[in-house]
């Protein structure tokens, strides 16, 4: 997860073209919406597409909520679990 959070921050800044904001300036627990980075529903959709492409995971519609997308840490935690499940499934499928 230690490598995942900086990668997510870089993806957020690049995808949403947050000019003037350095990825490392985003706090791990900083809110992504509202008082935090001020993202909106369009930003969330763009971010979902970027995460699905970057990490080869599917984000179910019900997971695009304030629990998972609350902060970089909550998003990273959820994503780490998904990636671990994908790795475990791929390992089990190998002979």
PDB file of N, CA and C in Angstrom:
ATOM      1  N   UNK A   1       0.830  -1.196   0.000  1.00  0.00           N
ATOM      2  CA  UNK A   1       0.000   0.000   0.000  1.00  0.00           C
ATOM      3  C   UNK A   1       0.873   1.258   0.000  1.00  0.00           C
ATOM      4  N   UNK A   2       2.101   1.159   0.523  1.00  0.00           N
ATOM      5  CA  UNK A   2       2.963   2.333   0.593  1.00  0.00           C
ATOM      6  C   UNK A   2       3.295   2.870  -0.792  1.00  0.00           C
ATOM      7  N   UNK A   3       3.364   2.008  -1.789  1.00  0.00           N
ATOM      8  CA  UNK A   3       3.628   2.453  -3.165  1.00  0.00           C
ATOM      9  C   UNK A   3       2.345   2.832  -3.880  1.00  0.00           C
ATOM     10  N   UNK A   4       1.223   2.298  -3.401  1.00  0.00           N
ATOM     11  CA  UNK A   4      -0.063   2.510  -4.058  1.00  0.00           C
ATOM     12  C   UNK A   4      -0.575   3.948  -3.881  1.00  0.00           C
ATOM     13  N   UNK A   5      -0.437   4.500  -2.687  1.00  0.00           N
ATOM     14  CA  UNK A   5      -0.972   5.846  -2.430  1.00  0.00           C
ATOM     15  C   UNK A   5      -0.305   6.917  -3.290  1.00  0.00           C
ATOM     16  N   UNK A   6       1.026   6.967  -3.377  1.00  0.00           N
ATOM     17  CA  UNK A   6       1.637   7.966  -4.260  1.00  0.00           C
ATOM     18  C   UNK A   6       1.220   7.774  -5.732  1.00  0.00           C
ATOM     19  N   UNK A   7       1.072   6.522  -6.126  1.00  0.00           N
ATOM     20  CA  UNK A   7       0.642   6.237  -7.503  1.00  0.00           C
ATOM     21  C   UNK A   7      -0.784   6.748  -7.738  1.00  0.00           C
ATOM     22  N   UNK A   8      -1.663   6.552  -6.758  1.00  0.00           N
ATOM     23  CA  UNK A   8      -3.028   7.068  -6.873  1.00  0.00           C
ATOM     24  C   UNK A   8      -3.035   8.595  -6.925  1.00  0.00           C
ATOM     25  N   UNK A   9      -2.210   9.217  -6.117  1.00  0.00           N
ATOM     26  CA  UNK A   9      -2.139  10.681  -6.099  1.00  0.00           C
ATOM     27  C   UNK A   9      -1.692  11.216  -7.459  1.00  0.00           C
ATOM     28  N   UNK A  10      -0.676  10.579  -8.035  1.00  0.00           N
ATOM     29  CA  UNK A  10      -0.210  11.005  -9.370  1.00  0.00           C
ATOM     30  C   UNK A  10      -1.320  10.810 -10.405  1.00  0.00           C
ATOM     31  N   UNK A  11      -2.048   9.715 -10.293  1.00  0.00           N
ATOM     32  CA  UNK A  11      -3.143   9.440 -11.228  1.00  0.00           C
ATOM     33  C   UNK A  11      -4.258  10.476 -11.088  1.00  0.00           C
ATOM     34  N   UNK A  12      -4.583  10.847  -9.865  1.00  0.00           N
ATOM     35  CA  UNK A  12      -5.626  11.847  -9.622  1.00  0.00           C
ATOM     36  C   UNK A  12      -5.228  13.178 -10.252  1.00  0.00           C
ATOM     37  N   UNK A  13      -4.014  13.628  -9.981  1.00  0.00           N
ATOM     38  CA  UNK A  13      -3.557  14.915 -10.510  1.00  0.00           C
ATOM     39  C   UNK A  13      -3.517  14.892 -12.036  1.00  0.00           C
ATOM     40  N   UNK A  14      -2.990  13.826 -12.620  1.00  0.00           N
ATOM     41  CA  UNK A  14      -2.874  13.746 -14.082  1.00  0.00           C
ATOM     42  C   UNK A  14      -4.232  13.612 -14.750  1.00  0.00           C
ATOM     43  N   UNK A  15      -5.072  12.735 -14.224  1.00  0.00           N
ATOM     44  CA  UNK A  15      -6.380  12.481 -14.839  1.00  0.00           C
ATOM     45  C   UNK A  15      -7.278  13.702 -14.782  1.00  0.00           C
ATOM     46  N   UNK A  16      -7.289  14.347 -13.643  1.00  0.00           N
ATOM     47  CA  UNK A  16      -8.201  15.486 -13.449  1.00  0.00           C
ATOM     48  C   UNK A  16      -7.540  16.821 -13.776  1.00  0.00           C
ATOM     49  N   UNK A  17      -6.301  16.743 -14.276  1.00  0.00           N
ATOM     50  CA  UNK A  17      -5.575  17.938 -14.685  1.00  0.00           C
ATOM     51  C   UNK A  17      -5.621  19.025 -13.597  1.00  0.00           C
ATOM     52  N   UNK A  18      -5.206  18.630 -12.412  1.00  0.00           N
ATOM     53  CA  UNK A  18      -5.207  19.549 -11.275  1.00  0.00           C
ATOM     54  C   UNK A  18      -3.928  20.374 -11.304  1.00  0.00           C
ATOM     55  N   UNK A  19      -3.906  21.327 -12.204  1.00  0.00           N
ATOM     56  CA  UNK A  19      -2.723  22.158 -12.413  1.00  0.00           C
ATOM     57  C   UNK A  19      -2.352  22.895 -11.133  1.00  0.00           C
ATOM     58  N   UNK A  20      -1.073  22.942 -10.882  1.00  0.00           N
ATOM     59  CA  UNK A  20      -0.582  23.654  -9.709  1.00  0.00           C
ATOM     60  C   UNK A  20      -0.638  22.846  -8.431  1.00  0.00           C
ATOM     61  N   UNK A  21      -1.120  21.616  -8.502  1.00  0.00           N
ATOM     62  CA  UNK A  21      -1.178  20.770  -7.316  1.00  0.00           C
ATOM     63  C   UNK A  21      -0.208  19.607  -7.493  1.00  0.00           C
ATOM     64  N   UNK A  22       0.767  19.538  -6.626  1.00  0.00           N
ATOM     65  CA  UNK A  22       1.726  18.433  -6.663  1.00  0.00           C
ATOM     66  C   UNK A  22       1.087  17.222  -6.000  1.00  0.00           C
ATOM     67  N   UNK A  23       1.262  16.045  -6.578  1.00  0.00           N
ATOM     68  CA  UNK A  23       0.666  14.844  -5.978  1.00  0.00           C
ATOM     69  C   UNK A  23       1.020  14.672  -4.507  1.00  0.00           C
ATOM     70  N   UNK A  24       2.269  14.970  -4.150  1.00  0.00           N
ATOM     71  CA  UNK A  24       2.686  14.800  -2.759  1.00  0.00           C
ATOM     72  C   UNK A  24       2.034  15.813  -1.817  1.00  0.00           C
ATOM     73  N   UNK A  25       1.385  16.833  -2.366  1.00  0.00           N
ATOM     74  CA  UNK A  25       0.683  17.817  -1.537  1.00  0.00           C
ATOM     75  C   UNK A  25      -0.696  17.316  -1.098  1.00  0.00           C
ATOM     76  N   UNK A  26      -1.150  16.228  -1.697  1.00  0.00           N
ATOM     77  CA  UNK A  26      -2.446  15.647  -1.327  1.00  0.00           C
ATOM     78  C   UNK A  26      -2.216  14.752  -0.107  1.00  0.00           C
ATOM     79  N   UNK A  27      -2.908  15.061   0.970  1.00  0.00           N
ATOM     80  CA  UNK A  27      -2.787  14.245   2.180  1.00  0.00           C
ATOM     81  C   UNK A  27      -3.476  12.901   2.001  1.00  0.00           C
ATOM     82  N   UNK A  28      -2.927  11.882   2.625  1.00  0.00           N
ATOM     83  CA  UNK A  28      -3.520  10.549   2.519  1.00  0.00           C
ATOM     84  C   UNK A  28      -4.971  10.526   2.988  1.00  0.00           C
ATOM     85  N   UNK A  29      -5.292  11.336   3.995  1.00  0.00           N
ATOM     86  CA  UNK A  29      -6.641  11.359   4.558  1.00  0.00           C
ATOM     87  C   UNK A  29      -7.445  12.583   4.135  1.00  0.00           C
ATOM     88  N   UNK A  30      -6.915  13.361   3.218  1.00  0.00           N
ATOM     89  CA  UNK A  30      -7.627  14.539   2.729  1.00  0.00           C
ATOM     90  C   UNK A  30      -8.870  14.081   1.971  1.00  0.00           C
ATOM     91  N   UNK A  31      -9.988  14.730   2.244  1.00  0.00           N
ATOM     92  CA  UNK A  31     -11.225  14.383   1.557  1.00  0.00           C
ATOM     93  C   UNK A  31     -11.078  14.668   0.063  1.00  0.00           C
ATOM     94  N   UNK A  32     -11.610  13.776  -0.745  1.00  0.00           N
ATOM     95  CA  UNK A  32     -11.549  13.977  -2.195  1.00  0.00           C
ATOM     96  C   UNK A  32     -12.654  14.909  -2.668  1.00  0.00           C
ATOM     97  N   UNK A  33     -13.798  14.881  -1.980  1.00  0.00           N
ATOM     98  CA  UNK A  33     -14.946  15.701  -2.373  1.00  0.00           C
ATOM     99  C   UNK A  33     -15.191  16.791  -1.348  1.00  0.00           C
ATOM    100  N   UNK A  34     -16.036  17.743  -1.699  1.00  0.00           N
ATOM    101  CA  UNK A  34     -16.413  18.797  -0.760  1.00  0.00           C
ATOM    102  C   UNK A  34     -15.244  19.653  -0.334  1.00  0.00           C
ATOM    103  N   UNK A  35     -15.059  19.767   0.977  1.00  0.00           N
ATOM    104  CA  UNK A  35     -14.033  20.634   1.561  1.00  0.00           C
ATOM    105  C   UNK A  35     -12.602  20.202   1.223  1.00  0.00           C
ATOM    106  N   UNK A  36     -12.411  18.969   0.791  1.00  0.00           N
ATOM    107  CA  UNK A  36     -11.073  18.480   0.478  1.00  0.00           C
ATOM    108  C   UNK A  36     -10.595  19.002  -0.857  1.00  0.00           C
ATOM    109  N   UNK A  37     -10.432  18.091  -1.813  1.00  0.00           N
ATOM    110  CA  UNK A  37      -9.975  18.493  -3.144  1.00  0.00           C
ATOM    111  C   UNK A  37     -11.088  19.142  -3.956  1.00  0.00           C
ATOM    112  N   UNK A  38     -12.319  19.014  -3.497  1.00  0.00           N
ATOM    113  CA  UNK A  38     -13.434  19.652  -4.184  1.00  0.00           C
ATOM    114  C   UNK A  38     -13.873  18.928  -5.451  1.00  0.00           C
ATOM    115  N   UNK A  39     -13.609  17.624  -5.522  1.00  0.00           N
ATOM    116  CA  UNK A  39     -14.022  16.874  -6.713  1.00  0.00           C
ATOM    117  C   UNK A  39     -15.533  16.780  -6.776  1.00  0.00           C
ATOM    118  N   UNK A  40     -16.040  16.584  -7.987  1.00  0.00           N
ATOM    119  CA  UNK A  40     -17.484  16.431  -8.175  1.00  0.00           C
ATOM    120  C   UNK A  40     -17.777  15.098  -8.853  1.00  0.00           C
ATOM    121  N   UNK A  41     -19.030  14.860  -9.201  1.00  0.00           N
ATOM    122  CA  UNK A  41     -19.432  13.569  -9.759  1.00  0.00           C
ATOM    123  C   UNK A  41     -18.780  13.294 -11.120  1.00  0.00           C
ATOM    124  N   UNK A  42     -18.547  14.318 -11.909  1.00  0.00           N
ATOM    125  CA  UNK A  42     -17.874  14.136 -13.200  1.00  0.00           C
ATOM    126  C   UNK A  42     -16.426  13.705 -12.958  1.00  0.00           C
ATOM    127  N   UNK A  43     -15.775  14.355 -11.979  1.00  0.00           N
ATOM    128  CA  UNK A  43     -14.411  13.976 -11.620  1.00  0.00           C
ATOM    129  C   UNK A  43     -14.373  12.518 -11.166  1.00  0.00           C
ATOM    130  N   UNK A  44     -15.372  12.110 -10.397  1.00  0.00           N
ATOM    131  CA  UNK A  44     -15.431  10.727  -9.907  1.00  0.00           C
ATOM    132  C   UNK A  44     -15.497   9.749 -11.074  1.00  0.00           C
ATOM    133  N   UNK A  45     -16.312  10.054 -12.066  1.00  0.00           N
ATOM    134  CA  UNK A  45     -16.422   9.171 -13.237  1.00  0.00           C
ATOM    135  C   UNK A  45     -15.104   9.089 -13.992  1.00  0.00           C
ATOM    136  N   UNK A  46     -14.453  10.221 -14.187  1.00  0.00           N
ATOM    137  CA  UNK A  46     -13.151  10.231 -14.868  1.00  0.00           C
ATOM    138  C   UNK A  46     -12.120   9.428 -14.080  1.00  0.00           C
ATOM    139  N   UNK A  47     -12.162   9.568 -12.778  1.00  0.00           N
ATOM    140  CA  UNK A  47     -11.228   8.863 -11.922  1.00  0.00           C
ATOM    141  C   UNK A  47     -11.471   7.353 -11.947  1.00  0.00           C
ATOM    142  N   UNK A  48     -12.728   6.949 -11.947  1.00  0.00           N
ATOM    143  CA  UNK A  48     -13.069   5.520 -12.034  1.00  0.00           C
ATOM    144  C   UNK A  48     -12.497   4.925 -13.315  1.00  0.00           C
ATOM    145  N   UNK A  49     -12.712   5.585 -14.436  1.00  0.00           N
ATOM    146  CA  UNK A  49     -12.207   5.088 -15.721  1.00  0.00           C
ATOM    147  C   UNK A  49     -10.685   4.978 -15.683  1.00  0.00           C
ATOM    148  N   UNK A  50     -10.022   5.997 -15.148  1.00  0.00           N
ATOM    149  CA  UNK A  50      -8.558   5.993 -15.085  1.00  0.00           C
ATOM    150  C   UNK A  50      -8.037   4.866 -14.187  1.00  0.00           C
ATOM    151  N   UNK A  51      -8.683   4.652 -13.041  1.00  0.00           N
ATOM    152  CA  UNK A  51      -8.260   3.592 -12.122  1.00  0.00           C
ATOM    153  C   UNK A  51      -8.474   2.224 -12.760  1.00  0.00           C
ATOM    154  N   UNK A  52      -9.612   2.047 -13.412  1.00  0.00           N
ATOM    155  CA  UNK A  52      -9.888   0.762 -14.068  1.00  0.00           C
ATOM    156  C   UNK A  52      -8.847   0.467 -15.147  1.00  0.00           C
ATOM    157  N   UNK A  53      -8.457   1.481 -15.891  1.00  0.00           N
ATOM    158  CA  UNK A  53      -7.424   1.291 -16.928  1.00  0.00           C
ATOM    159  C   UNK A  53      -6.045   1.030 -16.319  1.00  0.00           C
ATOM    160  N   UNK A  54      -5.672   1.855 -15.372  1.00  0.00           N
ATOM    161  CA  UNK A  54      -4.336   1.790 -14.780  1.00  0.00           C
ATOM    162  C   UNK A  54      -4.085   0.484 -14.026  1.00  0.00           C
ATOM    163  N   UNK A  55      -5.100   0.018 -13.302  1.00  0.00           N
ATOM    164  CA  UNK A  55      -4.911  -1.138 -12.427  1.00  0.00           C
ATOM    165  C   UNK A  55      -5.615  -2.406 -12.923  1.00  0.00           C
ATOM    166  N   UNK A  56      -6.268  -2.327 -14.073  1.00  0.00           N
ATOM    167  CA  UNK A  56      -6.967  -3.475 -14.661  1.00  0.00           C
ATOM    168  C   UNK A  56      -7.952  -4.106 -13.676  1.00  0.00           C
ATOM    169  N   UNK A  57      -8.749  -3.252 -13.040  1.00  0.00           N
ATOM    170  CA  UNK A  57      -9.793  -3.720 -12.134  1.00  0.00           C
ATOM    171  C   UNK A  57     -11.116  -3.099 -12.555  1.00  0.00           C
ATOM    172  N   UNK A  58     -12.197  -3.748 -12.198  1.00  0.00           N
ATOM    173  CA  UNK A  58     -13.527  -3.183 -12.432  1.00  0.00           C
ATOM    174  C   UNK A  58     -14.030  -2.626 -11.111  1.00  0.00           C
ATOM    175  N   UNK A  59     -14.528  -1.417 -11.140  1.00  0.00           N
ATOM    176  CA  UNK A  59     -15.091  -0.807  -9.944  1.00  0.00           C
ATOM    177  C   UNK A  59     -16.608  -0.868 -10.081  1.00  0.00           C
ATOM    178  N   UNK A  60     -17.262  -1.703  -9.260  1.00  0.00           N
ATOM    179  CA  UNK A  60     -18.718  -1.808  -9.334  1.00  0.00           C
ATOM    180  C   UNK A  60     -19.366  -0.457  -9.042  1.00  0.00           C
ATOM    181  N   UNK A  61     -20.476  -0.213  -9.688  1.00  0.00           N
ATOM    182  CA  UNK A  61     -21.155   1.068  -9.551  1.00  0.00           C
ATOM    183  C   UNK A  61     -21.428   1.423  -8.090  1.00  0.00           C
ATOM    184  N   UNK A  62     -21.775   0.447  -7.289  1.00  0.00           N
ATOM    185  CA  UNK A  62     -22.081   0.688  -5.884  1.00  0.00           C
ATOM    186  C   UNK A  62     -20.877   1.093  -5.050  1.00  0.00           C
ATOM    187  N   UNK A  63     -19.670   0.912  -5.559  1.00  0.00           N
ATOM    188  CA  UNK A  63     -18.466   1.265  -4.809  1.00  0.00           C
ATOM    189  C   UNK A  63     -18.029   2.706  -5.040  1.00  0.00           C
ATOM    190  N   UNK A  64     -18.645   3.375  -5.969  1.00  0.00           N
ATOM    191  CA  UNK A  64     -18.320   4.783  -6.199  1.00  0.00           C
ATOM    192  C   UNK A  64     -19.168   5.589  -5.207  1.00  0.00           C
ATOM    193  N   UNK A  65     -18.752   5.507  -3.948  1.00  0.00           N
ATOM    194  CA  UNK A  65     -19.487   6.176  -2.892  1.00  0.00           C
ATOM    195  C   UNK A  65     -18.513   6.902  -1.963  1.00  0.00           C
ATOM    196  N   UNK A  66     -19.065   7.511  -0.947  1.00  0.00           N
ATOM    197  CA  UNK A  66     -18.224   8.296  -0.039  1.00  0.00           C
ATOM    198  C   UNK A  66     -17.436   7.428   0.935  1.00  0.00           C
ATOM    199  N   UNK A  67     -17.744   6.137   0.997  1.00  0.00           N
ATOM    200  CA  UNK A  67     -16.969   5.252   1.853  1.00  0.00           C
ATOM    201  C   UNK A  67     -15.645   4.898   1.176  1.00  0.00           C
ATOM    202  N   UNK A  68     -15.704   4.484  -0.083  1.00  0.00           N
ATOM    203  CA  UNK A  68     -14.498   4.096  -0.818  1.00  0.00           C
ATOM    204  C   UNK A  68     -13.754   5.325  -1.334  1.00  0.00           C
ATOM    205  N   UNK A  69     -14.480   6.270  -1.886  1.00  0.00           N
ATOM    206  CA  UNK A  69     -13.868   7.452  -2.496  1.00  0.00           C
ATOM    207  C   UNK A  69     -13.792   8.631  -1.516  1.00  0.00           C
ATOM    208  N   UNK A  70     -13.703   8.341  -0.240  1.00  0.00           N
ATOM    209  CA  UNK A  70     -13.615   9.394   0.773  1.00  0.00           C
ATOM    210  C   UNK A  70     -12.267  10.102   0.718  1.00  0.00           C
ATOM    211  N   UNK A  71     -11.182   9.322   0.664  1.00  0.00           N
ATOM    212  CA  UNK A  71      -9.832   9.880   0.657  1.00  0.00           C
ATOM    213  C   UNK A  71      -8.928   8.972  -0.163  1.00  0.00           C
ATOM    214  N   UNK A  72      -7.704   9.402  -0.361  1.00  0.00           N
ATOM    215  CA  UNK A  72      -6.734   8.562  -1.071  1.00  0.00           C
ATOM    216  C   UNK A  72      -6.508   7.276  -0.277  1.00  0.00           C
ATOM    217  N   UNK A  73      -6.472   7.377   1.051  1.00  0.00           N
ATOM    218  CA  UNK A  73      -6.241   6.192   1.884  1.00  0.00           C
ATOM    219  C   UNK A  73      -7.387   5.184   1.752  1.00  0.00           C
ATOM    220  N   UNK A  74      -8.647   5.639   1.811  1.00  0.00           N
ATOM    221  CA  UNK A  74      -9.766   4.699   1.709  1.00  0.00           C
ATOM    222  C   UNK A  74      -9.826   4.083   0.314  1.00  0.00           C
ATOM    223  N   UNK A  75      -9.537   4.880  -0.689  1.00  0.00           N
ATOM    224  CA  UNK A  75      -9.508   4.370  -2.059  1.00  0.00           C
ATOM    225  C   UNK A  75      -8.364   3.378  -2.227  1.00  0.00           C
ATOM    226  N   UNK A  76      -7.207   3.712  -1.692  1.00  0.00           N
ATOM    227  CA  UNK A  76      -6.049   2.825  -1.776  1.00  0.00           C
ATOM    228  C   UNK A  76      -6.272   1.518  -1.043  1.00  0.00           C
ATOM    229  N   UNK A  77      -6.912   1.580   0.105  1.00  0.00           N
ATOM    230  CA  UNK A  77      -7.197   0.379   0.883  1.00  0.00           C
ATOM    231  C   UNK A  77      -8.137  -0.545   0.115  1.00  0.00           C
ATOM    232  N   UNK A  78      -9.195   0.018  -0.437  1.00  0.00           N
ATOM    233  CA  UNK A  78     -10.140  -0.782  -1.225  1.00  0.00           C
ATOM    234  C   UNK A  78      -9.445  -1.377  -2.450  1.00  0.00           C
ATOM    235  N   UNK A  79      -8.651  -0.566  -3.123  1.00  0.00           N
ATOM    236  CA  UNK A  79      -7.957  -1.020  -4.327  1.00  0.00           C
ATOM    237  C   UNK A  79      -6.940  -2.113  -3.998  1.00  0.00           C
ATOM    238  N   UNK A  80      -6.227  -1.976  -2.889  1.00  0.00           N
ATOM    239  CA  UNK A  80      -5.257  -2.991  -2.479  1.00  0.00           C
ATOM    240  C   UNK A  80      -5.954  -4.328  -2.245  1.00  0.00           C
ATOM    241  N   UNK A  81      -7.137  -4.282  -1.642  1.00  0.00           N
ATOM    242  CA  UNK A  81      -7.902  -5.523  -1.429  1.00  0.00           C
ATOM    243  C   UNK A  81      -8.313  -6.139  -2.758  1.00  0.00           C
ATOM    244  N   UNK A  82      -8.767  -5.314  -3.675  1.00  0.00           N
ATOM    245  CA  UNK A  82      -9.171  -5.818  -5.001  1.00  0.00           C
ATOM    246  C   UNK A  82      -7.984  -6.422  -5.738  1.00  0.00           C
ATOM    247  N   UNK A  83      -6.852  -5.761  -5.688  1.00  0.00           N
ATOM    248  CA  UNK A  83      -5.662  -6.263  -6.373  1.00  0.00           C
ATOM    249  C   UNK A  83      -5.196  -7.573  -5.739  1.00  0.00           C
ATOM    250  N   UNK A  84      -5.296  -7.687  -4.422  1.00  0.00           N
ATOM    251  CA  UNK A  84      -4.915  -8.923  -3.728  1.00  0.00           C
ATOM    252  C   UNK A  84      -5.847 -10.061  -4.130  1.00  0.00           C
ATOM    253  N   UNK A  85      -7.139  -9.765  -4.260  1.00  0.00           N
ATOM    254  CA  UNK A  85      -8.114 -10.783  -4.685  1.00  0.00           C
ATOM    255  C   UNK A  85      -7.810 -11.216  -6.112  1.00  0.00           C
ATOM    256  N   UNK A  86      -7.480 -10.268  -6.978  1.00  0.00           N
ATOM    257  CA  UNK A  86      -7.165 -10.598  -8.364  1.00  0.00           C
ATOM    258  C   UNK A  86      -5.915 -11.463  -8.440  1.00  0.00           C
ATOM    259  N   UNK A  87      -4.909 -11.122  -7.637  1.00  0.00           N
ATOM    260  CA  UNK A  87      -3.670 -11.905  -7.610  1.00  0.00           C
ATOM    261  C   UNK A  87      -3.932 -13.310  -7.082  1.00  0.00           C
ATOM    262  N   UNK A  88      -4.764 -13.420  -6.051  1.00  0.00           N
ATOM    263  CA  UNK A  88      -5.071 -14.721  -5.474  1.00  0.00           C
ATOM    264  C   UNK A  88      -5.845 -15.579  -6.480  1.00  0.00           C
ATOM    265  N   UNK A  89      -6.764 -14.956  -7.196  1.00  0.00           N
ATOM    266  CA  UNK A  89      -7.537 -15.681  -8.209  1.00  0.00           C
ATOM    267  C   UNK A  89      -6.656 -16.134  -9.361  1.00  0.00           C
ATOM    268  N   UNK A  90      -5.727 -15.294  -9.762  1.00  0.00           N
ATOM    269  CA  UNK A  90      -4.824 -15.643 -10.857  1.00  0.00           C
ATOM    270  C   UNK A  90      -3.885 -16.761 -10.430  1.00  0.00           C
ATOM    271  N   UNK A  91      -3.421 -16.739  -9.184  1.00  0.00           N
ATOM    272  CA  UNK A  91      -2.533 -17.787  -8.685  1.00  0.00           C
ATOM    273  C   UNK A  91      -3.260 -19.120  -8.594  1.00  0.00           C
ATOM    274  N   UNK A  92      -4.514 -19.090  -8.189  1.00  0.00           N
ATOM    275  CA  UNK A  92      -5.296 -20.309  -8.055  1.00  0.00           C
ATOM    276  C   UNK A  92      -5.594 -20.928  -9.411  1.00  0.00           C
ATOM    277  N   UNK A  93      -5.676 -20.093 -10.441  1.00  0.00           N
ATOM    278  CA  UNK A  93      -5.989 -20.582 -11.783  1.00  0.00           C
ATOM    279  C   UNK A  93      -4.797 -21.209 -12.473  1.00  0.00           C
ATOM    280  N   UNK A  94      -3.582 -20.889 -11.979  1.00  0.00           N
ATOM    281  CA  UNK A  94      -2.368 -21.454 -12.589  1.00  0.00           C
ATOM    282  C   UNK A  94      -2.151 -22.889 -12.117  1.00  0.00           C
ATOM    283  N   UNK A  95      -1.664 -23.736 -13.029  1.00  0.00           N
ATOM    284  CA  UNK A  95      -1.404 -25.123 -12.626  1.00  0.00           C
ATOM    285  C   UNK A  95      -0.199 -25.255 -11.732  1.00  0.00           C
TER     286      UNK A  95
END
